Amino acid sequence: MPQFVTTTRRNLLKCAAAVASLSALPKPGIAAAAVQPGLQIRKLTWAGVMVETENTALFIDAIAPDEKAGEKEDVLATTHRADALITHHHGDHFDNETLQKVLGKHGRLVCLRATADRADTRGLRVQPVDMWQPIFFPSADDDLVAFPVPAVDGWGAPQVSWVIDGRGVRLFHGGDTQWHGDLVDIARAYGPFDVAFLPINGARQQVGRYVDQGIPAVLTPSQAVAAAQLLRAKMIVPIHFGNPDPPTYVEVADPLGEFQREASKAKMPVRVLRTGESFHIEAHPDNCRARS
């Protein structure tokens, strides 16, 4: 009789993360190519982020620059082969025209399968994926690996957050998620994180079928800090704030100031980036070993 072993979802997630990390190790008998440790990060418009190595550019929630705010088109420029991730299909996180420009003929748009069913993906090479499924960029070199993990959209759309791992650095991108219980599993399976990109504006909306009941549909400043602590993030980069349009779209009062005060009380390191600003995240030796 065959023997079957049962396991928990948490253990399966840990195994998936371990397998993905092992794939980056040099193969026996093959000399490892020299690589630059760490990752280059560029803040894009609103919730957008670009992650770069010397081989790869990976866009997350990239949309057109805000010309009214003085943002320039070159914020999206890269000399590398580009791919893209989106957390969900809403227009402030998914922009078909912009993605066609940055991806060209060969880049992939990777998104949750349910998101691909809702988004207008005409003209894009789309790779739908399932929750927790590891995706490698570029597929030939395994430069970076991304995992779609659970998120909760305040307006009912399918949404994921993204875990990005590569070059001794691990990142978390939270789109515009609300607080949710799966943050515990994400932290246990993939944490700690070198940087967490988290929404902070606690947005509420009053338009169409959405009625403002006073309940934030996005993480508030204090919730973002609490989420970063739960994820064991070493630093927070705030995203998704600073563009209210009352009464249709309302943010908490002074989202950045409130976030900085909450982070200071929690002794949580913060890096505030302007659109187009970049920084390098150094690899740490501990990131190359198994994480507890």
Protein backbone atom coordinates (compact mmCIF):
# COMPACT_ATOMS: atom_id res chain seq x y z
CA MET A 1 0.00 0.00 0.00
CA PRO A 2 1.41 3.45 -0.83
CA GLN A 3 2.04 5.67 2.17
CA PHE A 4 0.67 9.22 2.09
CA VAL A 5 1.98 12.02 4.25
CA THR A 6 -0.27 14.89 5.28
CA THR A 7 1.02 18.36 5.90
CA THR A 8 -0.26 21.82 6.60
CA ARG A 9 -0.55 24.71 4.16
CA ARG A 10 2.09 26.59 6.16
CA ASN A 11 4.59 23.77 5.66
CA LEU A 12 3.78 23.63 1.96
CA LEU A 13 4.45 27.35 1.68
CA LYS A 14 7.78 27.00 3.47
CA CYS A 15 8.74 24.17 1.11
CA ALA A 16 7.81 26.28 -1.93
CA ALA A 17 9.94 29.15 -0.69
CA ALA A 18 12.85 26.84 0.06
CA VAL A 19 12.70 25.19 -3.36
CA ALA A 20 12.63 28.56 -5.09
CA SER A 21 15.62 29.75 -3.08
CA LEU A 22 17.57 26.58 -3.81
CA SER A 23 17.09 27.07 -7.55
CA ALA A 24 19.39 30.08 -7.38
CA LEU A 25 22.32 28.04 -6.04
CA PRO A 26 25.11 27.08 -8.48
CA LYS A 27 24.73 23.64 -10.02
CA PRO A 28 27.38 21.00 -9.21
CA GLY A 29 30.33 21.17 -11.57
CA ILE A 30 29.28 24.56 -12.97
CA ALA A 31 31.06 27.71 -11.91
CA ALA A 32 28.69 30.35 -10.59
CA ALA A 33 28.58 33.52 -12.67
CA ALA A 34 29.65 36.70 -10.93
CA VAL A 35 26.57 38.64 -9.87
CA GLN A 36 26.04 41.96 -8.15
CA PRO A 37 24.50 41.39 -4.70
CA GLY A 38 21.53 43.44 -3.65
CA LEU A 39 18.75 45.09 -5.65
CA GLN A 40 18.22 48.55 -7.14
CA ILE A 41 14.81 50.03 -6.32
CA ARG A 42 13.05 52.93 -8.03
CA LYS A 43 9.83 54.49 -6.77
CA LEU A 44 7.27 54.96 -9.53
CA THR A 45 3.97 56.83 -9.59
CA TRP A 46 1.47 56.18 -6.76
CA ALA A 47 1.96 52.53 -5.70
CA GLY A 48 4.46 51.64 -8.43
CA VAL A 49 7.94 50.23 -7.84
CA MET A 50 10.66 49.00 -10.21
CA VAL A 51 13.16 46.37 -9.07
CA GLU A 52 16.38 46.07 -11.08
CA THR A 53 19.41 43.83 -11.32
CA GLU A 54 22.08 44.14 -14.01
CA ASN A 55 19.96 41.75 -16.13
CA THR A 56 16.35 42.40 -15.26
CA ALA A 57 13.79 45.13 -14.68
CA LEU A 58 10.64 44.09 -12.86
CA PHE A 59 7.78 46.63 -12.71
CA ILE A 60 5.13 46.36 -10.00
CA ASP A 61 1.83 48.28 -10.38
CA ALA A 62 3.37 50.60 -12.98
CA ILE A 63 1.09 53.35 -14.33
CA ALA A 64 1.65 56.51 -16.37
CA PRO A 65 3.55 59.32 -14.65
CA ASP A 66 1.40 62.11 -13.20
CA GLU A 67 2.17 65.02 -15.53
CA LYS A 68 0.16 67.44 -13.38
CA ALA A 69 2.56 66.69 -10.53
CA GLY A 70 5.57 67.31 -12.79
CA GLU A 71 6.47 63.63 -13.20
CA LYS A 72 8.38 62.77 -16.38
CA GLU A 73 8.04 59.79 -18.72
CA ASP A 74 11.68 58.81 -18.12
CA VAL A 75 10.76 57.59 -14.62
CA LEU A 76 9.84 54.34 -16.42
CA ALA A 77 13.06 54.12 -18.45
CA THR A 78 15.26 51.02 -18.26
CA THR A 79 17.91 49.47 -20.46
CA HIS A 80 17.06 45.95 -19.30
CA ARG A 81 14.63 43.28 -20.41
CA ALA A 82 11.41 44.16 -18.54
CA ASP A 83 8.56 42.16 -17.05
CA ALA A 84 5.69 43.33 -14.88
CA LEU A 85 3.51 42.31 -11.97
CA ILE A 86 0.21 43.85 -10.95
CA THR A 87 -1.58 43.41 -7.65
CA HIS A 88 -5.04 43.95 -9.18
CA HIS A 89 -6.84 45.46 -12.16
CA HIS A 90 -7.92 48.87 -10.81
CA GLY A 91 -6.75 51.79 -12.93
CA ASP A 92 -4.36 53.19 -10.31
CA HIS A 93 -2.47 49.87 -10.33
CA PHE A 94 -2.91 48.62 -13.90
CA ASP A 95 -2.37 50.73 -17.02
CA ASN A 96 -2.47 48.78 -20.29
CA GLU A 97 -0.96 51.54 -22.44
CA THR A 98 1.96 52.14 -20.08
CA LEU A 99 2.69 48.43 -19.76
CA GLN A 100 2.75 47.99 -23.53
CA LYS A 101 5.41 50.71 -23.68
CA VAL A 102 7.67 49.30 -20.96
CA LEU A 103 7.27 45.61 -21.84
CA GLY A 104 7.64 45.81 -25.62
CA LYS A 105 7.14 42.61 -27.58
CA HIS A 106 8.90 40.22 -25.22
CA GLY A 107 8.04 41.25 -21.67
CA ARG A 108 5.43 39.40 -19.62
CA LEU A 109 2.62 40.74 -17.50
CA VAL A 110 2.14 38.32 -14.60
CA CYS A 111 -1.04 38.53 -12.54
CA LEU A 112 -3.50 36.42 -10.60
CA ARG A 113 -5.68 34.30 -12.87
CA ALA A 114 -8.87 36.00 -11.62
CA THR A 115 -7.29 39.41 -12.32
CA ALA A 116 -6.48 38.39 -15.90
CA ASP A 117 -10.18 37.63 -16.38
CA ARG A 118 -11.12 41.20 -15.37
CA ALA A 119 -8.33 43.35 -16.81
CA ASP A 120 -8.20 44.66 -20.37
CA THR A 121 -5.01 42.87 -21.39
CA ARG A 122 -5.23 43.41 -25.16
CA GLY A 123 -1.76 43.88 -26.66
CA LEU A 124 0.02 42.33 -23.66
CA ARG A 125 1.69 38.94 -23.15
CA VAL A 126 -0.13 37.75 -20.04
CA GLN A 127 0.91 34.92 -17.76
CA PRO A 128 -1.96 34.13 -15.34
CA VAL A 129 -0.82 32.46 -12.12
CA ASP A 130 -2.34 30.87 -9.05
CA MET A 131 -1.90 32.05 -5.48
CA TRP A 132 1.49 31.07 -3.98
CA GLN A 133 2.89 30.01 -7.42
CA PRO A 134 6.57 31.01 -7.83
CA ILE A 135 7.44 32.90 -11.03
CA PHE A 136 11.03 33.42 -12.18
CA PHE A 137 12.42 36.49 -13.98
CA PRO A 138 13.91 36.13 -16.49
CA SER A 139 12.86 32.50 -16.87
CA ALA A 140 16.24 31.46 -18.32
CA ASP A 141 18.44 32.89 -15.56
CA ASP A 142 16.22 32.81 -12.46
CA ASP A 143 17.46 36.30 -11.54
CA LEU A 144 14.42 37.06 -9.37
CA VAL A 145 11.54 34.99 -8.06
CA ALA A 146 8.10 36.39 -7.24
CA PHE A 147 5.30 34.81 -5.21
CA PRO A 148 1.68 36.06 -5.32
CA VAL A 149 0.34 35.99 -1.76
CA PRO A 150 -3.10 36.83 -0.33
CA ALA A 151 -4.41 40.39 -0.04
CA VAL A 152 -7.87 41.87 0.57
CA ASP A 153 -9.25 44.53 -1.74
CA GLY A 154 -11.50 47.08 -0.05
CA TRP A 155 -13.74 47.26 -3.12
CA GLY A 156 -14.12 43.53 -3.72
CA ALA A 157 -11.68 42.92 -6.60
CA PRO A 158 -9.34 39.94 -6.74
CA GLN A 159 -6.01 41.18 -5.36
CA VAL A 160 -2.63 39.79 -4.34
CA SER A 161 0.44 41.16 -2.66
CA TRP A 162 3.84 40.20 -4.06
CA VAL A 163 6.89 38.68 -2.39
CA ILE A 164 10.05 39.33 -4.44
CA ASP A 165 13.26 37.45 -3.70
CA GLY A 166 16.68 37.72 -5.32
CA ARG A 167 20.33 38.65 -4.86
CA GLY A 168 20.15 38.17 -1.10
CA VAL A 169 17.19 40.57 -0.70
CA ARG A 170 13.52 39.90 0.02
CA LEU A 171 10.75 42.46 -0.60
CA PHE A 172 7.02 42.71 0.08
CA HIS A 173 4.67 44.84 -2.05
CA GLY A 174 1.22 45.36 -0.59
CA GLY A 175 -0.66 47.04 -3.47
CA ASP A 176 -3.58 48.73 -1.70
CA THR A 177 -4.60 45.89 0.58
CA GLN A 178 -6.66 46.11 3.73
CA TRP A 179 -5.59 44.46 6.97
CA HIS A 180 -6.18 40.68 6.84
CA GLY A 181 -5.35 37.51 8.74
CA ASP A 182 -3.19 35.93 6.03
CA LEU A 183 -0.41 38.38 6.90
CA VAL A 184 0.46 35.90 9.66
CA ASP A 185 1.01 33.04 7.19
CA ILE A 186 2.94 35.30 4.80
CA ALA A 187 5.25 36.37 7.61
CA ARG A 188 5.83 32.79 8.75
CA ALA A 189 6.41 31.47 5.23
CA TYR A 190 8.52 34.25 3.71
CA GLY A 191 9.66 36.68 6.41
CA PRO A 192 11.65 38.54 7.45
CA PHE A 193 11.63 41.19 4.70
CA ASP A 194 14.33 43.73 3.96
CA VAL A 195 11.76 46.26 2.73
CA ALA A 196 7.96 46.33 2.81
CA PHE A 197 6.22 48.66 0.34
CA LEU A 198 2.90 49.34 2.07
CA PRO A 199 -0.11 51.56 1.32
CA ILE A 200 -0.82 54.09 4.06
CA ASN A 201 -3.70 56.38 3.07
CA GLY A 202 -6.67 54.55 4.65
CA ALA A 203 -8.75 55.49 1.60
CA ARG A 204 -12.53 55.60 1.48
CA GLN A 205 -14.61 56.02 -1.66
CA GLN A 206 -18.04 57.48 -2.42
CA VAL A 207 -18.86 56.81 -6.05
CA GLY A 208 -21.26 54.56 -7.96
CA ARG A 209 -22.15 51.49 -5.94
CA TYR A 210 -19.53 52.29 -3.30
CA VAL A 211 -20.96 54.07 -0.29
CA ASP A 212 -18.62 55.60 2.25
CA GLN A 213 -19.45 53.97 5.58
CA GLY A 214 -16.42 55.47 7.30
CA ILE A 215 -14.48 52.19 7.09
CA PRO A 216 -11.04 52.40 5.40
CA ALA A 217 -10.68 50.27 2.28
CA VAL A 218 -6.85 50.47 2.42
CA LEU A 219 -4.35 50.13 5.25
CA THR A 220 -4.26 53.17 7.51
CA PRO A 221 -0.92 54.61 8.71
CA SER A 222 -1.07 52.74 12.03
CA GLN A 223 -2.18 49.51 10.33
CA ALA A 224 0.72 49.77 7.85
CA VAL A 225 3.20 50.00 10.71
CA ALA A 226 1.53 47.06 12.48
CA ALA A 227 1.60 45.03 9.26
CA ALA A 228 5.32 45.73 8.82
CA GLN A 229 5.99 44.58 12.37
CA LEU A 230 4.01 41.40 11.75
CA LEU A 231 5.91 40.77 8.50
CA ARG A 232 9.22 41.36 10.36
CA ALA A 233 10.16 44.05 7.85
CA LYS A 234 13.43 45.86 8.45
CA MET A 235 12.15 49.01 6.71
CA ILE A 236 8.92 50.45 5.31
CA VAL A 237 8.66 52.46 2.11
CA PRO A 238 5.20 54.08 2.10
CA ILE A 239 3.18 53.96 -1.12
CA HIS A 240 -0.37 54.81 -2.25
CA PHE A 241 -0.94 58.21 -0.65
CA GLY A 242 -1.08 61.91 -1.43
CA ASN A 243 -3.75 62.19 -4.13
CA PRO A 244 -7.16 62.73 -2.48
CA ASP A 245 -10.23 63.77 -4.47
CA PRO A 246 -12.95 64.50 -1.90
CA PRO A 247 -15.73 63.67 -1.57
CA THR A 248 -15.28 60.91 -4.16
CA TYR A 249 -11.95 59.62 -2.83
CA VAL A 250 -10.95 60.49 0.73
CA GLU A 251 -7.64 59.81 2.49
CA VAL A 252 -6.94 60.01 6.22
CA ALA A 253 -5.75 63.47 7.26
CA ASP A 254 -2.01 63.93 6.59
CA PRO A 255 -1.33 60.25 5.78
CA LEU A 256 2.45 60.63 5.51
CA GLY A 257 2.81 62.69 8.67
CA GLU A 258 0.61 60.29 10.64
CA PHE A 259 2.51 57.31 9.25
CA GLN A 260 5.87 58.81 10.22
CA ARG A 261 4.62 59.49 13.76
CA GLU A 262 3.33 55.91 14.12
CA ALA A 263 6.56 54.46 12.72
CA SER A 264 8.62 56.60 15.09
CA LYS A 265 6.63 55.36 18.09
CA ALA A 266 7.22 51.77 16.94
CA LYS A 267 10.93 52.47 16.24
CA MET A 268 10.35 51.21 12.69
CA PRO A 269 12.84 52.47 10.05
CA VAL A 270 11.19 54.37 7.19
CA ARG A 271 12.40 55.55 3.80
CA VAL A 272 10.17 58.03 1.97
CA LEU A 273 10.85 58.10 -1.77
CA ARG A 274 9.73 60.67 -4.31
CA THR A 275 8.59 59.41 -7.70
CA GLY A 276 11.71 58.63 -9.72
CA GLU A 277 13.98 58.36 -6.67
CA SER A 278 16.14 55.22 -6.40
CA PHE A 279 18.21 53.43 -3.80
CA HIS A 280 20.22 50.22 -3.53
CA ILE A 281 19.26 47.54 -1.02
CA GLU A 282 22.36 45.70 0.11
CA ALA A 283 22.31 41.93 0.42
CA HIS A 284 22.87 40.53 3.88
CA PRO A 285 24.69 37.23 4.56
CA ASP A 286 21.78 36.01 6.69
CA ASN A 287 19.47 36.30 3.68
CA CYS A 288 21.40 33.53 1.95
CA ARG A 289 20.63 31.08 4.74
CA ALA A 290 17.36 29.49 5.73
CA ARG A 291 14.97 31.90 7.43
CA SER A 292 13.23 30.93 10.63
